[in-house]
C-alpha atoms as a PDB file:
ATOM      1  CA  UNK A   1       7.364  16.946  54.625  1.00  0.00           C
ATOM      2  CA  UNK A   2       7.839  13.529  53.002  1.00  0.00           C
ATOM      3  CA  UNK A   3       8.797  10.580  55.158  1.00  0.00           C
ATOM      4  CA  UNK A   4      11.722   8.375  54.207  1.00  0.00           C
ATOM      5  CA  UNK A   5       9.277   5.621  53.293  1.00  0.00           C
ATOM      6  CA  UNK A   6       7.408   7.857  50.835  1.00  0.00           C
ATOM      7  CA  UNK A   7      10.525   9.091  49.052  1.00  0.00           C
ATOM      8  CA  UNK A   8      11.082   5.902  46.963  1.00  0.00           C
ATOM      9  CA  UNK A   9       7.424   5.929  45.932  1.00  0.00           C
ATOM     10  CA  UNK A  10       7.686   9.542  44.794  1.00  0.00           C
ATOM     11  CA  UNK A  11      10.861   8.726  42.843  1.00  0.00           C
ATOM     12  CA  UNK A  12       9.137   5.760  41.193  1.00  0.00           C
ATOM     13  CA  UNK A  13       6.129   7.893  40.260  1.00  0.00           C
ATOM     14  CA  UNK A  14       8.384  10.539  38.702  1.00  0.00           C
ATOM     15  CA  UNK A  15      10.245   7.860  36.772  1.00  0.00           C
ATOM     16  CA  UNK A  16       7.009   6.394  35.424  1.00  0.00           C
ATOM     17  CA  UNK A  17       5.796   9.831  34.333  1.00  0.00           C
ATOM     18  CA  UNK A  18       9.117  10.555  32.624  1.00  0.00           C
ATOM     19  CA  UNK A  19       9.102   7.212  30.787  1.00  0.00           C
ATOM     20  CA  UNK A  20       5.490   7.565  29.679  1.00  0.00           C
ATOM     21  CA  UNK A  21       6.286  10.459  27.351  1.00  0.00           C
ATOM     22  CA  UNK A  22       8.811   8.332  25.464  1.00  0.00           C
ATOM     23  CA  UNK A  23       6.182   5.875  24.257  1.00  0.00           C
ATOM     24  CA  UNK A  24       4.095   8.717  22.847  1.00  0.00           C
ATOM     25  CA  UNK A  25       7.127  10.124  20.999  1.00  0.00           C
ATOM     26  CA  UNK A  26       7.870   6.712  19.492  1.00  0.00           C
ATOM     27  CA  UNK A  27       4.224   6.337  18.462  1.00  0.00           C
ATOM     28  CA  UNK A  28       4.112   9.819  16.896  1.00  0.00           C
ATOM     29  CA  UNK A  29       7.219   9.257  14.764  1.00  0.00           C
ATOM     30  CA  UNK A  30       6.769   5.573  13.924  1.00  0.00           C
ATOM     31  CA  UNK A  31       7.097   4.372  10.354  1.00  0.00           C
ATOM     32  CA  UNK A  32       5.450   1.184   9.150  1.00  0.00           C
ATOM     33  CA  UNK A  33       6.686  -1.135   6.410  1.00  0.00           C
ATOM     34  CA  UNK A  34       3.645  -2.793   4.854  1.00  0.00           C
ATOM     35  CA  UNK A  35       0.991  -1.838   2.339  1.00  0.00           C
ATOM     36  CA  UNK A  36      -1.267   1.201   2.759  1.00  0.00           C
ATOM     37  CA  UNK A  37      -4.458  -0.851   3.103  1.00  0.00           C
ATOM     38  CA  UNK A  38      -3.037  -2.848   6.031  1.00  0.00           C
ATOM     39  CA  UNK A  39      -2.000   0.346   7.809  1.00  0.00           C
ATOM     40  CA  UNK A  40      -5.349   2.015   7.165  1.00  0.00           C
ATOM     41  CA  UNK A  41      -7.378  -0.964   8.374  1.00  0.00           C
ATOM     42  CA  UNK A  42      -5.328  -1.084  11.584  1.00  0.00           C
ATOM     43  CA  UNK A  43      -5.778   2.683  12.032  1.00  0.00           C
ATOM     44  CA  UNK A  44      -9.562   2.396  11.647  1.00  0.00           C
ATOM     45  CA  UNK A  45      -9.750  -0.533  14.083  1.00  0.00           C
ATOM     46  CA  UNK A  46      -7.465   1.086  16.667  1.00  0.00           C
ATOM     47  CA  UNK A  47      -9.180   4.466  16.473  1.00  0.00           C
ATOM     48  CA  UNK A  48     -12.533   2.741  16.915  1.00  0.00           C
ATOM     49  CA  UNK A  49     -11.337   1.406  20.281  1.00  0.00           C
ATOM     50  CA  UNK A  50     -11.146   4.951  21.691  1.00  0.00           C
ATOM     51  CA  UNK A  51     -13.491   7.043  19.531  1.00  0.00           C
ATOM     52  CA  UNK A  52     -16.514   6.611  17.297  1.00  0.00           C
ATOM     53  CA  UNK A  53     -15.469   6.827  13.677  1.00  0.00           C
ATOM     54  CA  UNK A  54     -17.716   9.154  11.710  1.00  0.00           C
ATOM     55  CA  UNK A  55     -16.177   8.605   8.291  1.00  0.00           C
ATOM     56  CA  UNK A  56     -13.399   6.357   7.015  1.00  0.00           C
ATOM     57  CA  UNK A  57     -12.291   6.937   3.433  1.00  0.00           C
ATOM     58  CA  UNK A  58      -9.984   4.165   2.225  1.00  0.00           C
ATOM     59  CA  UNK A  59      -9.042   5.795  -1.131  1.00  0.00           C
ATOM     60  CA  UNK A  60      -7.715   8.912   0.640  1.00  0.00           C
ATOM     61  CA  UNK A  61      -6.425   6.911   3.655  1.00  0.00           C
ATOM     62  CA  UNK A  62      -8.168   9.287   6.043  1.00  0.00           C
ATOM     63  CA  UNK A  63     -10.721   8.988   8.800  1.00  0.00           C
ATOM     64  CA  UNK A  64     -12.606  11.448  10.971  1.00  0.00           C
ATOM     65  CA  UNK A  65     -13.997  10.770  14.425  1.00  0.00           C
ATOM     66  CA  UNK A  66     -17.352  11.898  15.752  1.00  0.00           C
ATOM     67  CA  UNK A  67     -16.909  15.209  17.628  1.00  0.00           C
ATOM     68  CA  UNK A  68     -17.266  14.871  21.416  1.00  0.00           C
ATOM     69  CA  UNK A  69     -17.832  17.477  24.076  1.00  0.00           C
ATOM     70  CA  UNK A  70     -15.578  17.592  27.130  1.00  0.00           C
ATOM     71  CA  UNK A  71     -15.762  19.887  30.120  1.00  0.00           C
ATOM     72  CA  UNK A  72     -12.775  22.166  30.716  1.00  0.00           C
ATOM     73  CA  UNK A  73     -11.239  19.569  33.066  1.00  0.00           C
ATOM     74  CA  UNK A  74     -11.384  16.824  30.411  1.00  0.00           C
ATOM     75  CA  UNK A  75     -14.397  14.904  31.662  1.00  0.00           C
ATOM     76  CA  UNK A  76     -16.795  13.675  29.003  1.00  0.00           C
ATOM     77  CA  UNK A  77     -19.844  15.938  28.691  1.00  0.00           C
ATOM     78  CA  UNK A  78     -23.037  14.176  27.585  1.00  0.00           C
ATOM     79  CA  UNK A  79     -25.059  15.769  24.809  1.00  0.00           C
ATOM     80  CA  UNK A  80     -28.747  16.493  24.714  1.00  0.00           C
ATOM     81  CA  UNK A  81     -31.122  15.111  22.061  1.00  0.00           C
ATOM     82  CA  UNK A  82     -30.399  17.936  19.611  1.00  0.00           C
ATOM     83  CA  UNK A  83     -26.725  17.011  19.553  1.00  0.00           C
ATOM     84  CA  UNK A  84     -25.665  20.218  21.237  1.00  0.00           C
ATOM     85  CA  UNK A  85     -23.723  20.155  24.476  1.00  0.00           C
ATOM     86  CA  UNK A  86     -26.065  20.195  27.417  1.00  0.00           C
ATOM     87  CA  UNK A  87     -25.267  22.755  30.109  1.00  0.00           C
ATOM     88  CA  UNK A  88     -21.633  23.128  29.100  1.00  0.00           C
ATOM     89  CA  UNK A  89     -19.384  25.265  31.233  1.00  0.00           C
ATOM     90  CA  UNK A  90     -17.155  28.042  29.939  1.00  0.00           C
ATOM     91  CA  UNK A  91     -14.008  26.664  28.251  1.00  0.00           C
ATOM     92  CA  UNK A  92     -15.683  23.355  27.311  1.00  0.00           C
ATOM     93  CA  UNK A  93     -13.978  21.651  24.366  1.00  0.00           C
ATOM     94  CA  UNK A  94     -15.495  20.056  21.267  1.00  0.00           C
ATOM     95  CA  UNK A  95     -12.852  17.586  20.099  1.00  0.00           C
ATOM     96  CA  UNK A  96     -12.619  15.460  16.996  1.00  0.00           C
ATOM     97  CA  UNK A  97      -9.706  13.778  15.276  1.00  0.00           C
ATOM     98  CA  UNK A  98      -8.620  13.529  11.674  1.00  0.00           C
ATOM     99  CA  UNK A  99      -6.289  10.555  11.213  1.00  0.00           C
ATOM    100  CA  UNK A 100      -4.286  10.225   8.009  1.00  0.00           C
ATOM    101  CA  UNK A 101      -2.014   7.515   6.670  1.00  0.00           C
ATOM    102  CA  UNK A 102       0.735   9.183   4.660  1.00  0.00           C
ATOM    103  CA  UNK A 103       3.515   7.853   2.465  1.00  0.00           C
ATOM    104  CA  UNK A 104       6.766   8.057   4.393  1.00  0.00           C
ATOM    105  CA  UNK A 105      10.204   8.040   2.858  1.00  0.00           C
ATOM    106  CA  UNK A 106      10.901   6.706  -0.607  1.00  0.00           C
ATOM    107  CA  UNK A 107      11.512   3.279   0.935  1.00  0.00           C
ATOM    108  CA  UNK A 108       7.798   2.418   0.918  1.00  0.00           C
ATOM    109  CA  UNK A 109       7.035   3.124   4.563  1.00  0.00           C
ATOM    110  CA  UNK A 110       3.931   4.803   5.925  1.00  0.00           C
ATOM    111  CA  UNK A 111       3.342   7.135   8.846  1.00  0.00           C
ATOM    112  CA  UNK A 112       0.190   8.007  10.745  1.00  0.00           C
ATOM    113  CA  UNK A 113      -0.749  11.611  11.495  1.00  0.00           C
ATOM    114  CA  UNK A 114      -3.327  12.296  14.198  1.00  0.00           C
ATOM    115  CA  UNK A 115      -4.666  15.836  13.895  1.00  0.00           C
ATOM    116  CA  UNK A 116      -6.907  17.117  16.670  1.00  0.00           C
ATOM    117  CA  UNK A 117      -9.594  19.612  15.691  1.00  0.00           C
ATOM    118  CA  UNK A 118     -10.348  21.635  18.793  1.00  0.00           C
ATOM    119  CA  UNK A 119     -13.177  24.104  19.311  1.00  0.00           C
ATOM    120  CA  UNK A 120     -13.791  25.852  22.603  1.00  0.00           C
ATOM    121  CA  UNK A 121     -16.915  27.360  24.090  1.00  0.00           C
ATOM    122  CA  UNK A 122     -16.256  30.762  25.621  1.00  0.00           C
ATOM    123  CA  UNK A 123     -18.609  32.954  27.593  1.00  0.00           C
ATOM    124  CA  UNK A 124     -19.609  36.024  25.652  1.00  0.00           C
ATOM    125  CA  UNK A 125     -18.868  34.510  22.246  1.00  0.00           C
ATOM    126  CA  UNK A 126     -21.702  33.549  19.906  1.00  0.00           C
ATOM    127  CA  UNK A 127     -19.621  30.961  18.040  1.00  0.00           C
ATOM    128  CA  UNK A 128     -17.128  28.365  19.155  1.00  0.00           C
ATOM    129  CA  UNK A 129     -13.469  29.405  19.050  1.00  0.00           C
ATOM    130  CA  UNK A 130     -11.174  27.251  16.893  1.00  0.00           C
ATOM    131  CA  UNK A 131      -7.887  26.406  18.619  1.00  0.00           C
ATOM    132  CA  UNK A 132      -4.726  25.242  16.884  1.00  0.00           C
ATOM    133  CA  UNK A 133      -3.208  22.118  18.496  1.00  0.00           C
ATOM    134  CA  UNK A 134      -0.212  24.185  19.693  1.00  0.00           C
ATOM    135  CA  UNK A 135      -2.350  27.052  21.066  1.00  0.00           C
ATOM    136  CA  UNK A 136      -1.583  27.862  24.707  1.00  0.00           C
ATOM    137  CA  UNK A 137      -5.333  27.772  25.458  1.00  0.00           C
ATOM    138  CA  UNK A 138      -5.494  24.033  24.653  1.00  0.00           C
ATOM    139  CA  UNK A 139      -5.732  22.115  27.928  1.00  0.00           C
ATOM    140  CA  UNK A 140      -3.035  19.518  28.599  1.00  0.00           C
ATOM    141  CA  UNK A 141      -5.545  16.676  28.705  1.00  0.00           C
ATOM    142  CA  UNK A 142      -6.199  17.192  24.958  1.00  0.00           C
ATOM    143  CA  UNK A 143      -2.533  16.413  24.284  1.00  0.00           C
ATOM    144  CA  UNK A 144      -2.846  13.373  26.553  1.00  0.00           C
ATOM    145  CA  UNK A 145      -5.861  12.064  24.622  1.00  0.00           C
ATOM    146  CA  UNK A 146      -4.016  12.662  21.350  1.00  0.00           C
ATOM    147  CA  UNK A 147      -0.945  10.789  22.640  1.00  0.00           C
ATOM    148  CA  UNK A 148      -3.180   7.937  23.808  1.00  0.00           C
ATOM    149  CA  UNK A 149      -4.679   7.639  20.320  1.00  0.00           C
ATOM    150  CA  UNK A 150      -1.190   7.588  18.777  1.00  0.00           C
ATOM    151  CA  UNK A 151      -0.143   4.888  21.257  1.00  0.00           C
ATOM    152  CA  UNK A 152      -3.248   2.781  20.551  1.00  0.00           C
ATOM    153  CA  UNK A 153      -2.592   2.952  16.810  1.00  0.00           C
ATOM    154  CA  UNK A 154       1.092   2.159  17.334  1.00  0.00           C
ATOM    155  CA  UNK A 155       0.230  -0.893  19.457  1.00  0.00           C
ATOM    156  CA  UNK A 156      -1.901  -2.281  16.625  1.00  0.00           C
ATOM    157  CA  UNK A 157       0.841  -1.690  14.033  1.00  0.00           C
ATOM    158  CA  UNK A 158       3.919  -2.444  16.130  1.00  0.00           C
ATOM    159  CA  UNK A 159       4.785  -5.589  14.175  1.00  0.00           C
ATOM    160  CA  UNK A 160       5.201  -3.441  11.050  1.00  0.00           C
ATOM    161  CA  UNK A 161       7.236  -0.676  12.728  1.00  0.00           C
ATOM    162  CA  UNK A 162      10.691  -0.015  11.307  1.00  0.00           C
ATOM    163  CA  UNK A 163      13.520   2.143  12.545  1.00  0.00           C
ATOM    164  CA  UNK A 164      14.051   5.070  10.191  1.00  0.00           C
ATOM    165  CA  UNK A 165      17.584   5.528   8.819  1.00  0.00           C
ATOM    166  CA  UNK A 166      19.738   7.677  11.074  1.00  0.00           C
ATOM    167  CA  UNK A 167      17.562   7.128  14.145  1.00  0.00           C
END
């Protein structure tokens, strides 16, 4: 049973968790009023803070991160020299991101889409299993890492953020 002293701390923790989701929602739906090159450069720089960028293509305004292995609990799994996951457990995840800058509304704004590409190792399967981002088999920590990437990008572009009409 919780003591009276612990109750305010629990309430504060719940409040912080509840507020944390709001920042991710803002970051996911943000629109930026500037030119495409400025947005893309900020996206490349911000993504590089959290992930290694494998390919950044300025003409298509798209980048791809280097795939990384994670254990089922979300801890980083080092790779062996061949590039394959070393001693990975069942349900390990190979995660990479595709980040796109897209034209927003007709008012010249841009949005950023972060698309996780998720592949899972499963016992008894010869090949990795592709998971859609909304698949129930996707662990919650994948969504957390995706939100963190959105938030990092948003922080680097916040000065260009605009409120969409009707919001």
